[in-house]
Amino acid sequence: FCSLFLLGSSQRLAAADSIPVTAAIAVIQHTAGNETAGIVTFTATEGGVKVVADITGLAPGKHGFHIHEFGDISDSVKAMSSGGHFDPASTHQHALIPANHNVAGHHAGDMGNLVADGAGKAHLEMMLDGVTLMGPVNSIVGRAVIVHAKPDDGGQPTGNAGDRVGEGVIGIAKAK
């Protein structure tokens, strides 16, 4: 009986593991000397991944906003342990991504700029193409989201966005 029970339990676990991931979230924490914080959600859609970001504690103006290679945010001082931009196609190209527009030839992790108001709050909604949440190609779950101190100016190869003022790991979220 015990063997049959365990076999049944393992089959249910395997079935649960095969449920597609349709939602992800990154909780943004500040790096040393900064006040950046917020939530970034990612939702799988037929047209790509919808990104919604609400970030606070920023200097007014534009701030580079990217997915980075690794979900390692153990460097809470400078956030350098997250590596460079997520660029699975090795394009070594960088392009500014205007909200709700697809741009060819960019790193998969390019999300353009957040724009903070006078109170240091930024809200962004956009579609990101070329990535999946947890697919066999270009998955972003387990990678980091980085908020930079300066604007992403489109310069090569990473946008010249300066220091990393906020970081978070993209994790699986409960689908809504």
N, C-alpha and C. Protein backbone atom coordinates (compact mmCIF):
# COMPACT_ATOMS: atom_id res chain seq x y z
N PHE A 1 0.83 -1.20 0.00
CA PHE A 1 0.00 0.00 0.00
C PHE A 1 0.87 1.25 0.00
N CYS A 2 1.91 1.26 0.81
CA CYS A 2 2.80 2.42 0.90
C CYS A 2 3.45 2.71 -0.46
N SER A 3 3.87 1.68 -1.16
CA SER A 3 4.49 1.85 -2.48
C SER A 3 3.51 2.45 -3.47
N LEU A 4 2.27 1.98 -3.44
CA LEU A 4 1.25 2.52 -4.35
C LEU A 4 0.95 3.97 -4.02
N PHE A 5 0.90 4.30 -2.74
CA PHE A 5 0.65 5.67 -2.33
C PHE A 5 1.77 6.60 -2.81
N LEU A 6 3.01 6.19 -2.63
CA LEU A 6 4.14 7.00 -3.08
C LEU A 6 4.16 7.14 -4.59
N LEU A 7 3.83 6.07 -5.31
CA LEU A 7 3.79 6.14 -6.76
C LEU A 7 2.73 7.14 -7.20
N GLY A 8 1.57 7.11 -6.58
CA GLY A 8 0.50 8.06 -6.92
C GLY A 8 0.90 9.48 -6.61
N SER A 9 1.57 9.69 -5.49
CA SER A 9 2.02 11.03 -5.11
C SER A 9 3.05 11.56 -6.09
N SER A 10 3.99 10.70 -6.50
CA SER A 10 5.02 11.17 -7.43
C SER A 10 4.42 11.50 -8.79
N GLN A 11 3.38 10.79 -9.21
CA GLN A 11 2.74 11.12 -10.47
C GLN A 11 2.03 12.47 -10.39
N ARG A 12 1.41 12.76 -9.25
CA ARG A 12 0.76 14.07 -9.08
C ARG A 12 1.81 15.18 -9.07
N LEU A 13 2.95 14.96 -8.44
CA LEU A 13 4.02 15.96 -8.43
C LEU A 13 4.53 16.21 -9.83
N ALA A 14 4.72 15.17 -10.60
CA ALA A 14 5.20 15.32 -11.97
C ALA A 14 4.20 16.11 -12.80
N ALA A 15 2.90 15.84 -12.60
CA ALA A 15 1.87 16.58 -13.33
C ALA A 15 1.89 18.05 -12.94
N ALA A 16 2.10 18.35 -11.66
CA ALA A 16 2.15 19.74 -11.21
C ALA A 16 3.35 20.46 -11.80
N ASP A 17 4.47 19.76 -11.95
CA ASP A 17 5.66 20.38 -12.53
C ASP A 17 5.48 20.74 -14.00
N SER A 18 4.56 20.09 -14.68
CA SER A 18 4.40 20.33 -16.11
C SER A 18 3.42 21.46 -16.42
N ILE A 19 2.83 22.08 -15.40
CA ILE A 19 1.92 23.19 -15.62
C ILE A 19 2.73 24.37 -16.15
N PRO A 20 2.30 24.96 -17.27
CA PRO A 20 3.08 26.07 -17.83
C PRO A 20 3.11 27.29 -16.90
N VAL A 21 4.23 27.95 -16.86
CA VAL A 21 4.38 29.17 -16.06
C VAL A 21 3.87 30.33 -16.90
N THR A 22 2.89 31.06 -16.37
CA THR A 22 2.30 32.18 -17.11
C THR A 22 2.52 33.53 -16.42
N ALA A 23 3.07 33.51 -15.20
CA ALA A 23 3.29 34.76 -14.47
C ALA A 23 4.58 34.67 -13.68
N ALA A 24 5.28 35.81 -13.62
CA ALA A 24 6.52 35.90 -12.85
C ALA A 24 6.59 37.27 -12.20
N ILE A 25 7.45 37.39 -11.19
CA ILE A 25 7.57 38.64 -10.44
C ILE A 25 9.01 38.84 -9.98
N ALA A 26 9.42 40.10 -9.94
CA ALA A 26 10.70 40.47 -9.34
C ALA A 26 10.43 41.56 -8.32
N VAL A 27 10.89 41.35 -7.10
CA VAL A 27 10.79 42.36 -6.05
C VAL A 27 12.12 43.10 -6.05
N ILE A 28 12.06 44.38 -6.37
CA ILE A 28 13.28 45.18 -6.50
C ILE A 28 13.70 45.73 -5.15
N GLN A 29 14.97 45.50 -4.82
CA GLN A 29 15.58 46.01 -3.59
C GLN A 29 16.69 46.97 -3.97
N HIS A 30 16.95 47.92 -3.11
CA HIS A 30 17.98 48.92 -3.39
C HIS A 30 19.37 48.34 -3.17
N THR A 31 20.33 48.93 -3.86
CA THR A 31 21.74 48.65 -3.60
C THR A 31 22.21 49.68 -2.56
N ALA A 32 23.41 49.50 -2.05
CA ALA A 32 23.95 50.35 -0.98
C ALA A 32 23.88 51.83 -1.37
N GLY A 33 23.35 52.64 -0.46
CA GLY A 33 23.30 54.08 -0.65
C GLY A 33 22.14 54.56 -1.50
N ASN A 34 21.26 53.66 -1.91
CA ASN A 34 20.12 54.02 -2.75
C ASN A 34 18.83 53.68 -2.03
N GLU A 35 17.71 54.16 -2.57
CA GLU A 35 16.40 53.90 -1.96
C GLU A 35 15.45 53.20 -2.92
N THR A 36 15.95 52.69 -4.00
CA THR A 36 15.12 52.07 -5.03
C THR A 36 14.41 50.83 -4.50
N ALA A 37 13.12 50.72 -4.82
CA ALA A 37 12.33 49.56 -4.42
C ALA A 37 11.14 49.45 -5.37
N GLY A 38 10.56 48.27 -5.46
CA GLY A 38 9.36 48.14 -6.28
C GLY A 38 9.07 46.72 -6.69
N ILE A 39 8.13 46.62 -7.62
CA ILE A 39 7.65 45.34 -8.12
C ILE A 39 7.64 45.39 -9.64
N VAL A 40 8.13 44.32 -10.26
CA VAL A 40 8.04 44.16 -11.71
C VAL A 40 7.33 42.83 -11.95
N THR A 41 6.23 42.86 -12.71
CA THR A 41 5.53 41.63 -13.04
C THR A 41 5.72 41.31 -14.51
N PHE A 42 5.70 40.02 -14.81
CA PHE A 42 5.88 39.51 -16.16
C PHE A 42 4.74 38.53 -16.42
N THR A 43 4.02 38.73 -17.52
CA THR A 43 2.89 37.86 -17.85
C THR A 43 3.05 37.35 -19.27
N ALA A 44 2.99 36.03 -19.44
CA ALA A 44 3.08 35.44 -20.77
C ALA A 44 1.80 35.73 -21.54
N THR A 45 1.96 36.22 -22.77
CA THR A 45 0.83 36.47 -23.66
C THR A 45 1.18 35.89 -25.02
N GLU A 46 0.21 35.87 -25.92
CA GLU A 46 0.50 35.38 -27.28
C GLU A 46 1.46 36.29 -28.02
N GLY A 47 1.49 37.58 -27.67
CA GLY A 47 2.34 38.54 -28.35
C GLY A 47 3.70 38.74 -27.72
N GLY A 48 4.02 38.00 -26.68
CA GLY A 48 5.29 38.15 -25.98
C GLY A 48 5.08 38.14 -24.49
N VAL A 49 5.95 38.80 -23.76
CA VAL A 49 5.84 38.88 -22.31
C VAL A 49 5.48 40.32 -21.95
N LYS A 50 4.34 40.48 -21.26
CA LYS A 50 3.93 41.81 -20.81
C LYS A 50 4.68 42.12 -19.52
N VAL A 51 5.31 43.29 -19.48
CA VAL A 51 6.07 43.74 -18.33
C VAL A 51 5.34 44.95 -17.73
N VAL A 52 5.13 44.90 -16.41
CA VAL A 52 4.56 46.05 -15.70
C VAL A 52 5.49 46.32 -14.51
N ALA A 53 6.01 47.54 -14.45
CA ALA A 53 6.95 47.92 -13.39
C ALA A 53 6.42 49.12 -12.63
N ASP A 54 6.50 49.04 -11.31
CA ASP A 54 6.22 50.17 -10.44
C ASP A 54 7.39 50.28 -9.47
N ILE A 55 8.18 51.33 -9.65
CA ILE A 55 9.43 51.50 -8.91
C ILE A 55 9.41 52.85 -8.21
N THR A 56 9.93 52.89 -6.99
CA THR A 56 10.01 54.13 -6.21
C THR A 56 11.46 54.36 -5.78
N GLY A 57 11.71 55.53 -5.19
CA GLY A 57 13.03 55.83 -4.64
C GLY A 57 14.07 56.18 -5.68
N LEU A 58 13.62 56.67 -6.83
CA LEU A 58 14.54 57.03 -7.92
C LEU A 58 14.74 58.54 -7.98
N ALA A 59 15.86 58.98 -8.52
CA ALA A 59 16.03 60.39 -8.84
C ALA A 59 15.09 60.69 -10.01
N PRO A 60 14.50 61.87 -10.06
CA PRO A 60 13.63 62.20 -11.20
C PRO A 60 14.39 62.05 -12.53
N GLY A 61 13.70 61.56 -13.55
CA GLY A 61 14.28 61.39 -14.87
C GLY A 61 14.32 59.93 -15.30
N LYS A 62 15.13 59.66 -16.33
CA LYS A 62 15.20 58.33 -16.93
C LYS A 62 16.24 57.44 -16.25
N HIS A 63 15.92 56.13 -16.23
CA HIS A 63 16.80 55.13 -15.63
C HIS A 63 16.78 53.87 -16.48
N GLY A 64 17.97 53.42 -16.92
CA GLY A 64 18.06 52.17 -17.68
C GLY A 64 17.42 51.03 -16.92
N PHE A 65 16.80 50.11 -17.67
CA PHE A 65 16.00 49.03 -17.09
C PHE A 65 16.24 47.79 -17.93
N HIS A 66 16.87 46.76 -17.32
CA HIS A 66 17.29 45.59 -18.10
C HIS A 66 17.12 44.28 -17.33
N ILE A 67 17.02 43.19 -18.08
CA ILE A 67 17.15 41.85 -17.52
C ILE A 67 18.62 41.48 -17.68
N HIS A 68 19.22 40.99 -16.59
CA HIS A 68 20.63 40.61 -16.62
C HIS A 68 20.77 39.09 -16.57
N GLU A 69 21.96 38.61 -16.91
CA GLU A 69 22.24 37.18 -17.11
C GLU A 69 21.89 36.28 -15.94
N PHE A 70 22.25 36.68 -14.74
CA PHE A 70 22.17 35.79 -13.59
C PHE A 70 21.24 36.34 -12.52
N GLY A 71 20.59 35.45 -11.80
CA GLY A 71 19.73 35.83 -10.70
C GLY A 71 20.50 35.95 -9.39
N ASP A 72 21.78 36.18 -9.47
CA ASP A 72 22.64 36.29 -8.30
C ASP A 72 22.67 37.75 -7.85
N ILE A 73 21.94 38.05 -6.79
CA ILE A 73 21.93 39.42 -6.26
C ILE A 73 22.64 39.47 -4.91
N SER A 74 23.65 38.63 -4.75
CA SER A 74 24.41 38.59 -3.50
C SER A 74 25.28 39.82 -3.30
N ASP A 75 25.59 40.56 -4.35
CA ASP A 75 26.36 41.79 -4.24
C ASP A 75 25.38 42.95 -4.04
N SER A 76 24.98 43.18 -2.79
CA SER A 76 24.00 44.22 -2.50
C SER A 76 24.61 45.62 -2.51
N VAL A 77 25.92 45.71 -2.72
CA VAL A 77 26.57 47.02 -2.78
C VAL A 77 26.50 47.59 -4.20
N LYS A 78 26.94 46.81 -5.20
CA LYS A 78 26.97 47.30 -6.58
C LYS A 78 26.17 46.47 -7.56
N ALA A 79 25.65 45.33 -7.13
CA ALA A 79 24.82 44.44 -7.96
C ALA A 79 25.57 43.89 -9.18
N MET A 80 26.88 43.74 -9.07
CA MET A 80 27.65 43.25 -10.20
C MET A 80 27.58 41.72 -10.38
N SER A 81 27.12 41.01 -9.35
CA SER A 81 27.04 39.54 -9.45
C SER A 81 25.95 39.07 -10.40
N SER A 82 25.10 39.98 -10.86
CA SER A 82 24.04 39.61 -11.80
C SER A 82 24.55 39.55 -13.24
N GLY A 83 25.80 39.86 -13.46
CA GLY A 83 26.39 39.78 -14.80
C GLY A 83 25.94 40.91 -15.71
N GLY A 84 26.09 40.68 -17.01
CA GLY A 84 25.72 41.68 -18.01
C GLY A 84 24.29 41.50 -18.48
N HIS A 85 23.94 42.24 -19.51
CA HIS A 85 22.59 42.11 -20.08
C HIS A 85 22.34 40.69 -20.54
N PHE A 86 21.11 40.23 -20.41
CA PHE A 86 20.71 38.93 -20.91
C PHE A 86 20.71 39.01 -22.44
N ASP A 87 21.63 38.29 -23.08
CA ASP A 87 21.85 38.34 -24.52
C ASP A 87 22.08 36.92 -25.05
N PRO A 88 21.04 36.06 -24.98
CA PRO A 88 21.23 34.66 -25.35
C PRO A 88 21.59 34.44 -26.81
N ALA A 89 21.24 35.38 -27.68
CA ALA A 89 21.56 35.25 -29.10
C ALA A 89 22.94 35.78 -29.43
N SER A 90 23.66 36.27 -28.41
CA SER A 90 24.99 36.85 -28.59
C SER A 90 24.99 37.91 -29.69
N THR A 91 23.97 38.79 -29.64
CA THR A 91 23.88 39.85 -30.64
C THR A 91 24.96 40.90 -30.43
N HIS A 92 25.36 41.07 -29.16
CA HIS A 92 26.31 42.12 -28.79
C HIS A 92 25.84 43.47 -29.32
N GLN A 93 24.52 43.60 -29.48
CA GLN A 93 23.92 44.85 -29.92
C GLN A 93 22.97 45.32 -28.84
N HIS A 94 22.77 46.60 -28.81
CA HIS A 94 21.89 47.19 -27.82
C HIS A 94 20.99 48.16 -28.55
N ALA A 95 19.73 48.18 -28.20
CA ALA A 95 18.80 49.12 -28.81
C ALA A 95 17.83 49.61 -27.75
N LEU A 96 17.47 50.87 -27.83
CA LEU A 96 16.44 51.38 -26.93
C LEU A 96 15.11 50.77 -27.35
N ILE A 97 14.33 50.34 -26.38
CA ILE A 97 13.05 49.70 -26.66
C ILE A 97 11.95 50.65 -26.23
N PRO A 98 11.27 51.29 -27.20
CA PRO A 98 10.15 52.14 -26.80
C PRO A 98 9.00 51.26 -26.31
N ALA A 99 8.24 51.75 -25.33
CA ALA A 99 7.12 50.98 -24.79
C ALA A 99 6.18 50.53 -25.91
N ASN A 100 5.78 49.28 -25.86
CA ASN A 100 4.83 48.66 -26.79
C ASN A 100 5.31 48.63 -28.23
N HIS A 101 6.61 48.64 -28.46
CA HIS A 101 7.16 48.51 -29.81
C HIS A 101 8.27 47.46 -29.79
N ASN A 102 8.32 46.68 -30.83
CA ASN A 102 9.40 45.69 -30.95
C ASN A 102 10.52 46.29 -31.79
N VAL A 103 11.75 46.07 -31.38
CA VAL A 103 12.90 46.57 -32.11
C VAL A 103 13.81 45.38 -32.40
N ALA A 104 14.15 45.21 -33.66
CA ALA A 104 15.01 44.09 -34.05
C ALA A 104 16.44 44.33 -33.62
N GLY A 105 17.16 43.23 -33.37
CA GLY A 105 18.59 43.31 -33.12
C GLY A 105 18.99 43.78 -31.75
N HIS A 106 18.12 43.64 -30.78
CA HIS A 106 18.47 44.08 -29.43
C HIS A 106 18.74 42.87 -28.54
N HIS A 107 19.41 43.11 -27.42
CA HIS A 107 19.55 42.06 -26.42
C HIS A 107 18.14 41.66 -25.98
N ALA A 108 17.94 40.41 -25.68
CA ALA A 108 16.64 39.96 -25.18
C ALA A 108 16.28 40.67 -23.88
N GLY A 109 17.28 41.09 -23.10
CA GLY A 109 17.04 41.74 -21.81
C GLY A 109 16.85 43.23 -21.86
N ASP A 110 16.88 43.86 -23.02
CA ASP A 110 16.70 45.31 -23.11
C ASP A 110 15.25 45.69 -22.85
N MET A 111 15.02 46.55 -21.87
CA MET A 111 13.67 47.04 -21.60
C MET A 111 13.62 48.56 -21.61
N GLY A 112 14.63 49.22 -22.15
CA GLY A 112 14.59 50.67 -22.31
C GLY A 112 14.82 51.42 -21.02
N ASN A 113 13.99 52.44 -20.78
CA ASN A 113 14.13 53.30 -19.62
C ASN A 113 12.85 53.38 -18.80
N LEU A 114 13.02 53.44 -17.50
CA LEU A 114 11.94 53.85 -16.61
C LEU A 114 12.03 55.37 -16.54
N VAL A 115 10.90 56.06 -16.38
CA VAL A 115 10.92 57.51 -16.24
C VAL A 115 10.29 57.85 -14.89
N ALA A 116 11.12 58.37 -13.98
CA ALA A 116 10.66 58.72 -12.64
C ALA A 116 10.15 60.15 -12.61
N ASP A 117 9.04 60.35 -11.93
CA ASP A 117 8.49 61.69 -11.78
C ASP A 117 9.22 62.44 -10.66
N GLY A 118 8.75 63.63 -10.32
CA GLY A 118 9.39 64.46 -9.30
C GLY A 118 9.41 63.82 -7.92
N ALA A 119 8.51 62.85 -7.69
CA ALA A 119 8.47 62.15 -6.40
C ALA A 119 9.32 60.87 -6.42
N GLY A 120 10.00 60.61 -7.56
CA GLY A 120 10.85 59.42 -7.66
C GLY A 120 10.12 58.13 -7.99
N LYS A 121 8.88 58.26 -8.50
CA LYS A 121 8.08 57.08 -8.84
C LYS A 121 8.06 56.89 -10.35
N ALA A 122 8.21 55.63 -10.76
CA ALA A 122 8.16 55.30 -12.19
C ALA A 122 7.16 54.16 -12.41
N HIS A 123 6.41 54.27 -13.49
CA HIS A 123 5.49 53.21 -13.91
C HIS A 123 5.77 52.93 -15.38
N LEU A 124 5.88 51.66 -15.73
CA LEU A 124 6.14 51.27 -17.11
C LEU A 124 5.30 50.04 -17.44
N GLU A 125 4.70 50.06 -18.62
CA GLU A 125 4.03 48.88 -19.16
C GLU A 125 4.54 48.71 -20.58
N MET A 126 4.97 47.49 -20.91
CA MET A 126 5.51 47.25 -22.25
C MET A 126 5.39 45.77 -22.59
N MET A 127 5.55 45.46 -23.87
CA MET A 127 5.63 44.08 -24.34
C MET A 127 7.08 43.81 -24.68
N LEU A 128 7.58 42.68 -24.23
CA LEU A 128 8.95 42.28 -24.48
C LEU A 128 8.92 41.05 -25.38
N ASP A 129 9.53 41.14 -26.54
CA ASP A 129 9.55 39.99 -27.44
C ASP A 129 10.89 39.27 -27.32
N GLY A 130 10.95 38.07 -27.83
CA GLY A 130 12.21 37.33 -27.86
C GLY A 130 12.55 36.61 -26.57
N VAL A 131 11.63 36.60 -25.60
CA VAL A 131 11.86 35.89 -24.34
C VAL A 131 10.63 35.07 -23.98
N THR A 132 10.83 34.11 -23.09
CA THR A 132 9.73 33.36 -22.50
C THR A 132 9.94 33.39 -20.99
N LEU A 133 8.89 33.06 -20.26
CA LEU A 133 9.06 33.00 -18.81
C LEU A 133 9.89 31.80 -18.42
N MET A 134 9.45 30.60 -18.88
CA MET A 134 10.18 29.37 -18.55
C MET A 134 10.09 28.41 -19.72
N GLY A 135 10.46 28.86 -20.86
CA GLY A 135 10.41 27.99 -22.02
C GLY A 135 11.76 27.37 -22.30
N PRO A 136 11.80 26.58 -23.36
CA PRO A 136 13.08 25.97 -23.71
C PRO A 136 14.07 26.98 -24.31
N VAL A 137 13.58 28.16 -24.70
CA VAL A 137 14.43 29.17 -25.34
C VAL A 137 14.25 30.52 -24.63
N ASN A 138 15.36 31.15 -24.27
CA ASN A 138 15.37 32.53 -23.76
C ASN A 138 14.48 32.75 -22.53
N SER A 139 14.50 31.81 -21.61
CA SER A 139 13.66 31.97 -20.42
C SER A 139 14.28 32.99 -19.45
N ILE A 140 13.41 33.76 -18.80
CA ILE A 140 13.89 34.83 -17.92
C ILE A 140 13.72 34.51 -16.43
N VAL A 141 12.90 33.52 -16.08
CA VAL A 141 12.75 33.17 -14.66
C VAL A 141 14.12 32.72 -14.13
N GLY A 142 14.50 33.27 -12.99
CA GLY A 142 15.79 32.97 -12.38
C GLY A 142 16.88 33.98 -12.74
N ARG A 143 16.57 34.92 -13.60
CA ARG A 143 17.53 35.98 -13.96
C ARG A 143 17.22 37.22 -13.11
N ALA A 144 18.05 38.25 -13.24
CA ALA A 144 17.86 39.47 -12.44
C ALA A 144 17.29 40.60 -13.29
N VAL A 145 16.54 41.47 -12.63
CA VAL A 145 16.11 42.75 -13.19
C VAL A 145 16.98 43.80 -12.51
N ILE A 146 17.54 44.69 -13.31
CA ILE A 146 18.41 45.75 -12.78
C ILE A 146 17.84 47.11 -13.18
N VAL A 147 17.82 48.03 -12.21
CA VAL A 147 17.47 49.42 -12.45
C VAL A 147 18.77 50.21 -12.31
N HIS A 148 19.06 51.04 -13.31
CA HIS A 148 20.31 51.80 -13.33
C HIS A 148 20.12 53.24 -12.89
N ALA A 149 21.21 53.89 -12.53
CA ALA A 149 21.20 55.27 -12.05
C ALA A 149 20.95 56.28 -13.17
N LYS A 150 21.44 55.98 -14.37
CA LYS A 150 21.37 56.93 -15.48
C LYS A 150 20.46 56.39 -16.59
N PRO A 151 20.14 57.26 -17.55
CA PRO A 151 19.35 56.81 -18.69
C PRO A 151 20.14 55.83 -19.57
N ASP A 152 19.44 54.93 -20.17
CA ASP A 152 19.99 54.07 -21.22
C ASP A 152 19.96 54.94 -22.48
N ASP A 153 21.13 55.27 -23.02
CA ASP A 153 21.19 56.17 -24.18
C ASP A 153 21.30 55.43 -25.50
N GLY A 154 21.20 54.11 -25.47
CA GLY A 154 21.29 53.32 -26.70
C GLY A 154 22.70 53.04 -27.14
N GLY A 155 23.70 53.53 -26.39
CA GLY A 155 25.10 53.31 -26.76
C GLY A 155 25.48 51.84 -26.71
N GLN A 156 26.48 51.48 -27.47
CA GLN A 156 26.91 50.08 -27.57
C GLN A 156 28.02 49.79 -26.58
N PRO A 157 28.06 48.63 -25.98
CA PRO A 157 27.09 47.54 -26.18
C PRO A 157 26.02 47.48 -25.09
N THR A 158 26.05 48.37 -24.08
CA THR A 158 25.11 48.20 -22.97
C THR A 158 24.27 49.42 -22.62
N GLY A 159 24.40 50.50 -23.30
CA GLY A 159 23.53 51.65 -23.05
C GLY A 159 24.05 52.71 -22.11
N ASN A 160 25.27 52.55 -21.57
CA ASN A 160 25.89 53.58 -20.73
C ASN A 160 25.00 54.05 -19.58
N ALA A 161 24.27 53.13 -18.96
CA ALA A 161 23.28 53.50 -17.95
C ALA A 161 23.85 53.63 -16.54
N GLY A 162 25.12 53.42 -16.37
CA GLY A 162 25.74 53.70 -15.08
C GLY A 162 25.49 52.67 -14.00
N ASP A 163 25.66 53.14 -12.76
CA ASP A 163 25.55 52.27 -11.59
C ASP A 163 24.20 51.57 -11.51
N ARG A 164 24.19 50.49 -10.76
CA ARG A 164 22.98 49.69 -10.55
C ARG A 164 22.40 50.10 -9.20
N VAL A 165 21.21 50.71 -9.23
CA VAL A 165 20.61 51.24 -7.99
C VAL A 165 19.54 50.33 -7.42
N GLY A 166 19.08 49.35 -8.20
CA GLY A 166 18.08 48.41 -7.72
C GLY A 166 18.23 47.09 -8.42
N GLU A 167 17.88 46.00 -7.70
CA GLU A 167 18.02 44.67 -8.26
C GLU A 167 16.96 43.74 -7.67
N GLY A 168 16.56 42.76 -8.47
CA GLY A 168 15.63 41.75 -8.00
C GLY A 168 15.73 40.52 -8.87
N VAL A 169 15.34 39.36 -8.34
CA VAL A 169 15.36 38.11 -9.07
C VAL A 169 13.96 37.82 -9.59
N ILE A 170 13.88 37.40 -10.84
CA ILE A 170 12.59 37.04 -11.43
C ILE A 170 12.23 35.64 -10.97
N GLY A 171 11.09 35.52 -10.31
CA GLY A 171 10.64 34.23 -9.80
C GLY A 171 9.24 33.92 -10.29
N ILE A 172 8.86 32.66 -10.18
CA ILE A 172 7.52 32.23 -10.59
C ILE A 172 6.49 32.86 -9.66
N ALA A 173 5.42 33.39 -10.25
CA ALA A 173 4.33 33.99 -9.48
C ALA A 173 3.06 33.16 -9.69
N LYS A 174 2.15 33.31 -8.80
CA LYS A 174 0.84 32.66 -8.93
C LYS A 174 0.09 33.34 -10.07
N ALA A 175 -0.42 32.54 -11.00
CA ALA A 175 -1.17 33.09 -12.13
C ALA A 175 -2.46 33.73 -11.62
N LYS A 176 -2.83 34.84 -12.23
CA LYS A 176 -4.06 35.55 -11.80
C LYS A 176 -5.20 35.20 -12.70
